[in-house]
Amino acid sequence: MTEIADGHFEQQSPIDAYGNGGFRFAEMSHVGSLLCLPTGMHKWHGVTSCQYVANNLDQIWQSADDID
């Protein structure tokens, strides 16, 4: 089974299932929010929309040209 280092899985992977506060992908499960970018799957902190704005938007802007 593949390990996610530092909350980052370095490949794009389809999400196989979601529920109970988490996701299943690449034969792994992750509890919490997930940011899916061309650079891979990233653990995403924050609970409210204000926290999402404050957290990790830099990753989205850096990947903007590669997002369809």
N, C-alpha and C. Protein backbone atom coordinates (compact mmCIF):
# COMPACT_ATOMS: atom_id res chain seq x y z
N MET A 1 0.84 -1.18 0.00
CA MET A 1 0.00 0.00 0.00
C MET A 1 0.89 1.24 0.00
N THR A 2 0.51 2.24 -0.76
CA THR A 2 1.29 3.48 -0.90
C THR A 2 1.07 4.37 0.32
N GLU A 3 2.10 5.02 0.75
CA GLU A 3 2.10 5.95 1.88
C GLU A 3 1.97 7.38 1.37
N ILE A 4 1.19 8.20 2.03
CA ILE A 4 1.10 9.62 1.69
C ILE A 4 2.09 10.36 2.57
N ALA A 5 3.12 10.94 1.96
CA ALA A 5 4.14 11.67 2.70
C ALA A 5 3.71 13.12 2.88
N ASP A 6 3.74 13.60 4.09
CA ASP A 6 3.42 15.00 4.39
C ASP A 6 2.06 15.43 3.83
N GLY A 7 1.10 14.53 3.79
CA GLY A 7 -0.23 14.89 3.33
C GLY A 7 -0.32 15.13 1.83
N HIS A 8 0.60 14.57 1.06
CA HIS A 8 0.61 14.78 -0.39
C HIS A 8 0.86 13.45 -1.10
N PHE A 9 -0.10 13.03 -1.91
CA PHE A 9 0.05 11.86 -2.78
C PHE A 9 0.38 12.42 -4.15
N GLU A 10 1.56 12.13 -4.68
CA GLU A 10 2.11 12.82 -5.84
C GLU A 10 1.55 12.38 -7.19
N GLN A 11 0.37 11.81 -7.21
CA GLN A 11 -0.27 11.42 -8.47
C GLN A 11 -1.73 11.85 -8.44
N GLN A 12 -2.28 12.09 -9.63
CA GLN A 12 -3.72 12.27 -9.72
C GLN A 12 -4.33 10.88 -9.62
N SER A 13 -5.43 10.79 -8.92
CA SER A 13 -6.06 9.49 -8.74
C SER A 13 -7.57 9.69 -8.66
N PRO A 14 -8.34 8.81 -9.28
CA PRO A 14 -9.79 8.93 -9.15
C PRO A 14 -10.21 8.66 -7.71
N ILE A 15 -11.23 9.37 -7.26
CA ILE A 15 -11.80 9.11 -5.94
C ILE A 15 -12.79 7.96 -6.09
N ASP A 16 -12.53 6.88 -5.36
CA ASP A 16 -13.36 5.68 -5.46
C ASP A 16 -14.60 5.76 -4.59
N ALA A 17 -14.51 6.45 -3.47
CA ALA A 17 -15.66 6.56 -2.56
C ALA A 17 -15.44 7.75 -1.64
N TYR A 18 -16.55 8.25 -1.09
CA TYR A 18 -16.47 9.30 -0.10
C TYR A 18 -17.62 9.14 0.88
N GLY A 19 -17.44 9.64 2.07
CA GLY A 19 -18.47 9.57 3.10
C GLY A 19 -17.82 9.46 4.46
N ASN A 20 -18.64 9.62 5.50
CA ASN A 20 -18.15 9.55 6.87
C ASN A 20 -16.95 10.45 7.11
N GLY A 21 -16.92 11.60 6.43
CA GLY A 21 -15.85 12.57 6.66
C GLY A 21 -14.55 12.29 5.95
N GLY A 22 -14.56 11.40 4.95
CA GLY A 22 -13.31 11.09 4.28
C GLY A 22 -13.48 10.60 2.86
N PHE A 23 -12.37 10.21 2.26
CA PHE A 23 -12.30 9.77 0.87
C PHE A 23 -11.51 8.48 0.76
N ARG A 24 -11.79 7.69 -0.28
CA ARG A 24 -11.00 6.51 -0.61
C ARG A 24 -10.50 6.68 -2.03
N PHE A 25 -9.17 6.56 -2.19
CA PHE A 25 -8.54 6.66 -3.51
C PHE A 25 -7.22 5.91 -3.47
N ALA A 26 -6.79 5.39 -4.59
CA ALA A 26 -5.50 4.70 -4.73
C ALA A 26 -5.27 3.65 -3.64
N GLU A 27 -6.33 2.90 -3.34
CA GLU A 27 -6.28 1.85 -2.32
C GLU A 27 -5.91 2.39 -0.94
N MET A 28 -6.22 3.67 -0.69
CA MET A 28 -5.97 4.30 0.60
C MET A 28 -7.24 5.01 1.04
N SER A 29 -7.30 5.39 2.30
CA SER A 29 -8.39 6.23 2.77
C SER A 29 -7.80 7.46 3.45
N HIS A 30 -8.54 8.55 3.35
CA HIS A 30 -8.10 9.82 3.95
C HIS A 30 -9.31 10.42 4.64
N VAL A 31 -9.16 10.76 5.92
CA VAL A 31 -10.22 11.42 6.67
C VAL A 31 -9.92 12.91 6.66
N GLY A 32 -10.91 13.70 6.25
CA GLY A 32 -10.75 15.15 6.19
C GLY A 32 -10.89 15.64 4.76
N SER A 33 -10.58 16.90 4.58
CA SER A 33 -10.71 17.54 3.27
C SER A 33 -9.54 17.18 2.37
N LEU A 34 -9.81 17.22 1.07
CA LEU A 34 -8.82 16.82 0.08
C LEU A 34 -8.82 17.85 -1.05
N LEU A 35 -7.63 18.29 -1.45
CA LEU A 35 -7.47 19.21 -2.57
C LEU A 35 -6.86 18.42 -3.72
N CYS A 36 -7.60 18.29 -4.82
CA CYS A 36 -7.16 17.47 -5.96
C CYS A 36 -6.67 18.41 -7.07
N LEU A 37 -5.37 18.35 -7.33
CA LEU A 37 -4.74 19.23 -8.32
C LEU A 37 -3.93 18.39 -9.31
N PRO A 38 -3.49 18.98 -10.40
CA PRO A 38 -2.62 18.25 -11.33
C PRO A 38 -1.34 17.72 -10.67
N THR A 39 -0.93 18.37 -9.58
CA THR A 39 0.27 17.93 -8.86
C THR A 39 0.00 16.79 -7.90
N GLY A 40 -1.24 16.35 -7.80
CA GLY A 40 -1.59 15.22 -6.95
C GLY A 40 -2.70 15.55 -5.97
N MET A 41 -2.81 14.69 -4.97
CA MET A 41 -3.85 14.81 -3.95
C MET A 41 -3.18 15.39 -2.70
N HIS A 42 -3.78 16.46 -2.17
CA HIS A 42 -3.19 17.16 -1.03
C HIS A 42 -4.18 17.18 0.13
N LYS A 43 -3.68 16.93 1.35
CA LYS A 43 -4.49 17.12 2.53
C LYS A 43 -4.81 18.60 2.61
N TRP A 44 -6.07 18.94 2.89
CA TRP A 44 -6.47 20.35 2.93
C TRP A 44 -7.09 20.64 4.28
N HIS A 45 -6.49 21.58 5.00
CA HIS A 45 -6.96 21.95 6.33
C HIS A 45 -8.05 23.02 6.21
N GLY A 46 -8.89 23.07 7.18
CA GLY A 46 -9.92 24.10 7.24
C GLY A 46 -11.29 23.48 7.32
N VAL A 47 -12.19 24.16 7.97
CA VAL A 47 -13.54 23.65 8.14
C VAL A 47 -14.56 24.57 7.50
N THR A 48 -14.38 25.88 7.65
CA THR A 48 -15.33 26.83 7.08
C THR A 48 -14.77 27.42 5.80
N SER A 49 -15.62 28.05 5.02
CA SER A 49 -15.15 28.65 3.77
C SER A 49 -14.10 29.72 4.04
N CYS A 50 -14.19 30.45 5.14
CA CYS A 50 -13.18 31.46 5.47
C CYS A 50 -11.83 30.80 5.70
N GLN A 51 -11.83 29.64 6.33
CA GLN A 51 -10.56 28.94 6.55
C GLN A 51 -10.00 28.44 5.23
N TYR A 52 -10.85 28.00 4.30
CA TYR A 52 -10.36 27.54 3.00
C TYR A 52 -9.69 28.68 2.25
N VAL A 53 -10.24 29.86 2.32
CA VAL A 53 -9.64 31.01 1.66
C VAL A 53 -8.27 31.30 2.25
N ALA A 54 -8.15 31.16 3.55
CA ALA A 54 -6.89 31.46 4.22
C ALA A 54 -5.85 30.36 4.01
N ASN A 55 -6.29 29.14 3.69
CA ASN A 55 -5.39 27.99 3.58
C ASN A 55 -5.28 27.52 2.14
N ASN A 56 -4.06 27.34 1.66
CA ASN A 56 -3.78 26.58 0.45
C ASN A 56 -4.24 27.16 -0.87
N LEU A 57 -4.76 28.35 -0.92
CA LEU A 57 -5.14 28.88 -2.23
C LEU A 57 -3.91 29.11 -3.10
N ASP A 58 -2.76 29.30 -2.50
CA ASP A 58 -1.53 29.44 -3.27
C ASP A 58 -1.31 28.21 -4.16
N GLN A 59 -1.60 27.02 -3.64
CA GLN A 59 -1.45 25.80 -4.43
C GLN A 59 -2.36 25.83 -5.65
N ILE A 60 -3.55 26.34 -5.50
CA ILE A 60 -4.50 26.41 -6.62
C ILE A 60 -4.00 27.40 -7.67
N TRP A 61 -3.58 28.58 -7.23
CA TRP A 61 -3.10 29.59 -8.18
C TRP A 61 -1.86 29.12 -8.92
N GLN A 62 -0.97 28.40 -8.22
CA GLN A 62 0.25 27.89 -8.86
C GLN A 62 -0.08 26.84 -9.91
N SER A 63 -1.18 26.12 -9.75
CA SER A 63 -1.56 25.05 -10.68
C SER A 63 -2.60 25.52 -11.70
N ALA A 64 -3.00 26.78 -11.65
CA ALA A 64 -4.12 27.28 -12.46
C ALA A 64 -3.97 27.00 -13.95
N ASP A 65 -2.79 27.14 -14.49
CA ASP A 65 -2.60 26.92 -15.93
C ASP A 65 -2.76 25.45 -16.32
N ASP A 66 -2.62 24.54 -15.36
CA ASP A 66 -2.72 23.11 -15.65
C ASP A 66 -4.10 22.53 -15.33
N ILE A 67 -5.00 23.34 -14.78
CA ILE A 67 -6.35 22.88 -14.42
C ILE A 67 -7.28 23.11 -15.60
N ASP A 68 -8.00 22.06 -15.99
CA ASP A 68 -8.97 22.17 -17.09
C ASP A 68 -10.25 22.79 -16.60
